[in-house]
N, C-alpha and C. Protein backbone atom coordinates (compact mmCIF):
# COMPACT_ATOMS: atom_id res chain seq x y z
N MET A 1 109.64 83.55 79.75
CA MET A 1 110.04 84.36 80.88
C MET A 1 108.90 84.39 81.91
N SER A 2 109.20 83.90 83.08
CA SER A 2 108.19 83.97 84.13
C SER A 2 108.87 84.06 85.48
N LEU A 3 108.16 84.64 86.39
CA LEU A 3 108.66 84.80 87.75
C LEU A 3 107.82 83.91 88.66
N GLU A 4 108.46 82.99 89.33
CA GLU A 4 107.77 82.10 90.25
C GLU A 4 107.92 82.65 91.67
N ILE A 5 106.81 82.66 92.41
CA ILE A 5 106.83 83.15 93.79
C ILE A 5 106.46 81.98 94.70
N VAL A 6 107.36 81.67 95.65
CA VAL A 6 107.20 80.52 96.53
C VAL A 6 107.14 81.01 97.98
N ARG A 7 106.11 80.57 98.71
CA ARG A 7 105.95 80.95 100.12
C ARG A 7 106.58 79.89 101.01
N SER A 8 107.39 80.33 101.98
CA SER A 8 107.94 79.39 102.95
C SER A 8 106.85 79.03 103.96
N ASP A 9 107.06 77.93 104.67
CA ASP A 9 106.10 77.52 105.70
C ASP A 9 105.99 78.58 106.79
N TYR A 10 107.12 79.19 107.14
CA TYR A 10 107.12 80.22 108.17
C TYR A 10 106.31 81.44 107.71
N PHE A 11 106.48 81.83 106.44
CA PHE A 11 105.71 82.93 105.88
C PHE A 11 104.22 82.62 105.97
N THR A 12 103.84 81.41 105.56
CA THR A 12 102.43 81.02 105.55
C THR A 12 101.82 81.08 106.94
N SER A 13 102.52 80.58 107.95
CA SER A 13 101.97 80.60 109.30
C SER A 13 101.84 82.02 109.85
N GLU A 14 102.84 82.86 109.59
CA GLU A 14 102.77 84.25 110.05
C GLU A 14 101.70 85.02 109.29
N PHE A 15 101.53 84.73 108.00
CA PHE A 15 100.50 85.39 107.21
C PHE A 15 99.11 85.07 107.77
N LYS A 16 98.87 83.81 108.10
CA LYS A 16 97.57 83.42 108.67
C LYS A 16 97.32 84.14 109.99
N ARG A 17 98.36 84.25 110.81
CA ARG A 17 98.21 84.94 112.10
C ARG A 17 97.85 86.40 111.90
N LEU A 18 98.55 87.06 110.96
CA LEU A 18 98.26 88.47 110.68
C LEU A 18 96.90 88.66 110.02
N ALA A 19 96.48 87.70 109.18
CA ALA A 19 95.20 87.81 108.48
C ALA A 19 94.03 87.78 109.46
N LYS A 20 94.20 87.12 110.59
CA LYS A 20 93.14 87.11 111.61
C LYS A 20 92.99 88.49 112.24
N ARG A 21 94.10 89.22 112.32
CA ARG A 21 94.10 90.53 112.95
C ARG A 21 93.68 91.64 111.97
N TYR A 22 94.06 91.49 110.70
CA TYR A 22 93.80 92.53 109.70
C TYR A 22 92.99 91.95 108.55
N ARG A 23 91.72 92.34 108.47
CA ARG A 23 90.79 91.79 107.48
C ARG A 23 91.20 92.07 106.04
N SER A 24 91.88 93.18 105.80
CA SER A 24 92.22 93.55 104.42
C SER A 24 93.50 92.89 103.93
N LEU A 25 94.15 92.07 104.75
CA LEU A 25 95.47 91.54 104.40
C LEU A 25 95.46 90.69 103.13
N ALA A 26 94.43 89.89 102.92
CA ALA A 26 94.39 89.05 101.71
C ALA A 26 94.37 89.91 100.45
N LYS A 27 93.57 90.96 100.46
CA LYS A 27 93.50 91.87 99.31
C LYS A 27 94.82 92.64 99.16
N ASP A 28 95.38 93.07 100.26
CA ASP A 28 96.66 93.79 100.23
C ASP A 28 97.78 92.89 99.71
N TYR A 29 97.71 91.61 100.07
CA TYR A 29 98.71 90.64 99.62
C TYR A 29 98.65 90.45 98.10
N GLU A 30 97.43 90.40 97.56
CA GLU A 30 97.28 90.27 96.10
C GLU A 30 97.91 91.46 95.39
N ALA A 31 97.68 92.67 95.91
CA ALA A 31 98.29 93.87 95.33
C ALA A 31 99.81 93.81 95.46
N PHE A 32 100.30 93.30 96.58
CA PHE A 32 101.74 93.16 96.78
C PHE A 32 102.33 92.20 95.76
N LEU A 33 101.66 91.08 95.51
CA LEU A 33 102.16 90.10 94.53
C LEU A 33 102.25 90.71 93.13
N GLU A 34 101.24 91.48 92.75
CA GLU A 34 101.28 92.13 91.43
C GLU A 34 102.46 93.10 91.35
N SER A 35 102.68 93.85 92.42
CA SER A 35 103.81 94.77 92.47
C SER A 35 105.14 94.02 92.41
N LEU A 36 105.21 92.90 93.11
CA LEU A 36 106.44 92.09 93.14
C LEU A 36 106.73 91.48 91.78
N LYS A 37 105.69 91.05 91.08
CA LYS A 37 105.87 90.48 89.74
C LYS A 37 106.39 91.52 88.76
N SER A 38 105.94 92.76 88.90
CA SER A 38 106.40 93.80 87.99
C SER A 38 107.79 94.30 88.35
N ASN A 39 108.17 94.22 89.64
CA ASN A 39 109.50 94.67 90.06
C ASN A 39 109.99 93.80 91.22
N PRO A 40 110.62 92.65 90.92
CA PRO A 40 111.08 91.77 92.00
C PRO A 40 112.27 92.33 92.79
N LEU A 41 112.88 93.39 92.30
CA LEU A 41 114.04 93.97 92.99
C LEU A 41 113.67 95.20 93.82
N GLN A 42 112.39 95.36 94.14
CA GLN A 42 111.98 96.49 94.97
C GLN A 42 112.41 96.26 96.41
N GLY A 43 112.35 97.29 97.20
CA GLY A 43 112.73 97.18 98.60
C GLY A 43 114.20 97.43 98.82
N VAL A 44 114.66 97.12 100.02
CA VAL A 44 116.05 97.36 100.42
C VAL A 44 116.76 96.02 100.51
N GLU A 45 117.94 95.94 99.92
CA GLU A 45 118.73 94.72 100.02
C GLU A 45 119.44 94.72 101.37
N ILE A 46 119.13 93.73 102.22
CA ILE A 46 119.73 93.67 103.55
C ILE A 46 120.86 92.66 103.63
N ALA A 47 120.98 91.82 102.63
CA ALA A 47 122.07 90.85 102.48
C ALA A 47 122.06 90.45 101.00
N PRO A 48 123.11 89.80 100.52
CA PRO A 48 123.09 89.40 99.11
C PRO A 48 121.85 88.56 98.78
N ASN A 49 121.07 89.05 97.84
CA ASN A 49 119.83 88.41 97.35
C ASN A 49 118.70 88.38 98.36
N VAL A 50 118.84 88.99 99.52
CA VAL A 50 117.78 89.06 100.52
C VAL A 50 117.29 90.49 100.60
N ARG A 51 115.98 90.67 100.43
CA ARG A 51 115.40 92.02 100.40
C ARG A 51 114.30 92.16 101.45
N LYS A 52 114.15 93.38 101.96
CA LYS A 52 113.06 93.73 102.87
C LYS A 52 112.16 94.70 102.11
N ILE A 53 110.89 94.32 101.95
CA ILE A 53 109.95 95.10 101.16
C ILE A 53 108.80 95.56 102.06
N ARG A 54 108.44 96.83 101.93
CA ARG A 54 107.31 97.36 102.69
C ARG A 54 106.01 96.98 102.00
N MET A 55 105.00 96.62 102.79
CA MET A 55 103.69 96.27 102.26
C MET A 55 102.63 96.98 103.09
N ALA A 56 101.76 97.71 102.41
CA ALA A 56 100.68 98.42 103.11
C ALA A 56 99.63 97.42 103.60
N ILE A 57 99.04 97.73 104.75
CA ILE A 57 97.89 96.98 105.25
C ILE A 57 96.76 97.99 105.36
N GLY A 58 95.80 97.89 104.45
CA GLY A 58 94.73 98.87 104.34
C GLY A 58 93.93 99.05 105.62
N SER A 59 93.65 97.98 106.33
CA SER A 59 92.82 98.09 107.53
C SER A 59 93.54 98.77 108.69
N LYS A 60 94.86 98.92 108.60
CA LYS A 60 95.59 99.68 109.63
C LYS A 60 95.49 101.18 109.37
N GLY A 61 95.36 101.55 108.09
CA GLY A 61 95.23 102.95 107.74
C GLY A 61 96.51 103.75 107.88
N LYS A 62 97.67 103.10 107.80
CA LYS A 62 98.94 103.81 107.97
C LYS A 62 99.82 103.76 106.73
N GLY A 63 99.34 103.18 105.65
CA GLY A 63 100.14 103.09 104.43
C GLY A 63 101.29 102.12 104.58
N LYS A 64 102.26 102.23 103.67
CA LYS A 64 103.39 101.31 103.68
C LYS A 64 104.29 101.50 104.90
N SER A 65 104.44 102.74 105.35
CA SER A 65 105.40 103.00 106.44
C SER A 65 104.99 102.33 107.75
N GLY A 66 103.70 102.16 107.99
CA GLY A 66 103.24 101.54 109.22
C GLY A 66 102.67 100.15 109.02
N GLY A 67 102.85 99.59 107.83
CA GLY A 67 102.26 98.30 107.50
C GLY A 67 103.14 97.12 107.86
N ALA A 68 103.19 96.18 106.94
CA ALA A 68 103.96 94.95 107.15
C ALA A 68 105.28 95.03 106.41
N ARG A 69 106.18 94.12 106.78
CA ARG A 69 107.45 93.96 106.08
C ARG A 69 107.51 92.52 105.59
N VAL A 70 107.98 92.35 104.36
CA VAL A 70 108.12 91.02 103.77
C VAL A 70 109.60 90.83 103.45
N ILE A 71 110.18 89.75 103.95
CA ILE A 71 111.57 89.41 103.65
C ILE A 71 111.56 88.39 102.53
N THR A 72 112.29 88.68 101.45
CA THR A 72 112.34 87.79 100.29
C THR A 72 113.76 87.35 100.01
N LEU A 73 113.88 86.22 99.36
CA LEU A 73 115.16 85.73 98.85
C LEU A 73 114.99 85.59 97.35
N ASN A 74 115.82 86.30 96.59
CA ASN A 74 115.71 86.30 95.14
C ASN A 74 116.70 85.33 94.52
N ALA A 75 116.20 84.45 93.67
CA ALA A 75 117.03 83.57 92.86
C ALA A 75 116.65 83.87 91.41
N LEU A 76 117.11 85.02 90.92
CA LEU A 76 116.70 85.51 89.61
C LEU A 76 117.74 85.20 88.55
N VAL A 77 117.26 84.78 87.37
CA VAL A 77 118.12 84.61 86.21
C VAL A 77 118.24 85.96 85.51
N THR A 78 117.10 86.59 85.29
CA THR A 78 117.02 87.97 84.82
C THR A 78 116.05 88.68 85.74
N GLU A 79 115.83 89.96 85.50
CA GLU A 79 114.94 90.71 86.40
C GLU A 79 113.51 90.18 86.37
N GLN A 80 113.07 89.57 85.27
CA GLN A 80 111.71 89.07 85.16
C GLN A 80 111.63 87.55 85.06
N ASP A 81 112.72 86.84 85.32
CA ASP A 81 112.74 85.40 85.18
C ASP A 81 113.51 84.78 86.35
N GLY A 82 112.89 83.87 87.06
CA GLY A 82 113.53 83.23 88.20
C GLY A 82 112.53 82.94 89.29
N THR A 83 113.02 82.85 90.52
CA THR A 83 112.18 82.52 91.66
C THR A 83 112.40 83.52 92.78
N VAL A 84 111.30 83.95 93.40
CA VAL A 84 111.36 84.80 94.59
C VAL A 84 110.72 84.00 95.72
N TYR A 85 111.49 83.78 96.77
CA TYR A 85 111.00 83.05 97.94
C TYR A 85 110.54 84.06 98.99
N LEU A 86 109.29 83.94 99.42
CA LEU A 86 108.77 84.78 100.49
C LEU A 86 109.10 84.08 101.80
N LEU A 87 110.08 84.62 102.52
CA LEU A 87 110.58 83.96 103.72
C LEU A 87 109.79 84.30 104.97
N LEU A 88 109.41 85.57 105.10
CA LEU A 88 108.89 86.05 106.38
C LEU A 88 108.02 87.27 106.14
N ILE A 89 106.93 87.37 106.88
CA ILE A 89 106.12 88.59 106.90
C ILE A 89 105.91 88.94 108.37
N TYR A 90 106.01 90.23 108.68
CA TYR A 90 105.77 90.66 110.06
C TYR A 90 105.21 92.07 110.05
N ASP A 91 104.47 92.37 111.11
CA ASP A 91 103.87 93.70 111.30
C ASP A 91 104.93 94.61 111.90
N LYS A 92 105.12 95.77 111.30
CA LYS A 92 106.15 96.68 111.80
C LYS A 92 105.86 97.12 113.24
N SER A 93 104.59 97.22 113.61
CA SER A 93 104.28 97.64 114.97
C SER A 93 104.62 96.54 115.99
N ASP A 94 104.69 95.28 115.56
CA ASP A 94 105.10 94.19 116.45
C ASP A 94 106.62 94.14 116.61
N ALA A 95 107.33 94.36 115.51
CA ALA A 95 108.80 94.32 115.54
C ALA A 95 109.31 95.26 114.46
N PRO A 96 110.08 96.29 114.81
CA PRO A 96 110.57 97.23 113.80
C PRO A 96 111.51 96.58 112.79
N ASN A 97 112.23 95.54 113.21
CA ASN A 97 113.10 94.81 112.29
C ASN A 97 113.32 93.39 112.81
N VAL A 98 113.95 92.58 111.98
CA VAL A 98 114.23 91.19 112.33
C VAL A 98 115.73 90.98 112.26
N LYS A 99 116.26 90.26 113.21
CA LYS A 99 117.71 90.01 113.23
C LYS A 99 118.10 89.08 112.09
N MET A 100 119.30 89.31 111.56
CA MET A 100 119.78 88.55 110.42
C MET A 100 119.91 87.07 110.73
N ASN A 101 120.24 86.71 111.97
CA ASN A 101 120.37 85.28 112.29
C ASN A 101 119.02 84.56 112.20
N VAL A 102 117.91 85.26 112.46
CA VAL A 102 116.58 84.67 112.30
C VAL A 102 116.31 84.40 110.83
N ILE A 103 116.67 85.36 109.98
CA ILE A 103 116.48 85.20 108.53
C ILE A 103 117.33 84.05 108.01
N LYS A 104 118.58 83.98 108.44
CA LYS A 104 119.46 82.88 108.01
C LYS A 104 118.92 81.53 108.46
N ASP A 105 118.33 81.48 109.65
CA ASP A 105 117.76 80.25 110.16
C ASP A 105 116.57 79.81 109.30
N ILE A 106 115.72 80.75 108.91
CA ILE A 106 114.58 80.42 108.04
C ILE A 106 115.08 79.91 106.69
N ILE A 107 116.11 80.56 106.14
CA ILE A 107 116.67 80.13 104.86
C ILE A 107 117.21 78.70 104.99
N ARG A 108 117.91 78.42 106.07
CA ARG A 108 118.48 77.09 106.29
C ARG A 108 117.39 76.04 106.44
N LYS A 109 116.35 76.35 107.22
CA LYS A 109 115.26 75.40 107.43
C LYS A 109 114.44 75.17 106.16
N THR A 110 114.40 76.17 105.29
CA THR A 110 113.68 76.04 104.03
C THR A 110 114.48 75.20 103.03
N GLY A 111 115.77 75.08 103.26
CA GLY A 111 116.62 74.29 102.38
C GLY A 111 117.14 75.06 101.19
N LEU A 112 117.26 76.37 101.34
CA LEU A 112 117.73 77.19 100.22
C LEU A 112 119.19 77.46 100.33
């Protein structure tokens, strides 16, 4: 039983952009991954198998509510076995939410 976490190209590019702005993001991301591994079904389901998860950014000092949002696509066999695709990360202060057609476009371009 293992949970595989795969980053999309779009996630990686946005993560790098945010990491330049927030020094603590790499450490916060590691804590997020540990949390995701223990509970891959956390967050709010915004479409079938697509979840929006809050992630704190320590250097912002606002906790989870003012931090980043991570959009995931779950392909789980069981709760602790399968694959979680990290599709998108964005700063809530930049955009309070992301339109569903943008998420669908990322899923399509990723080939999922």
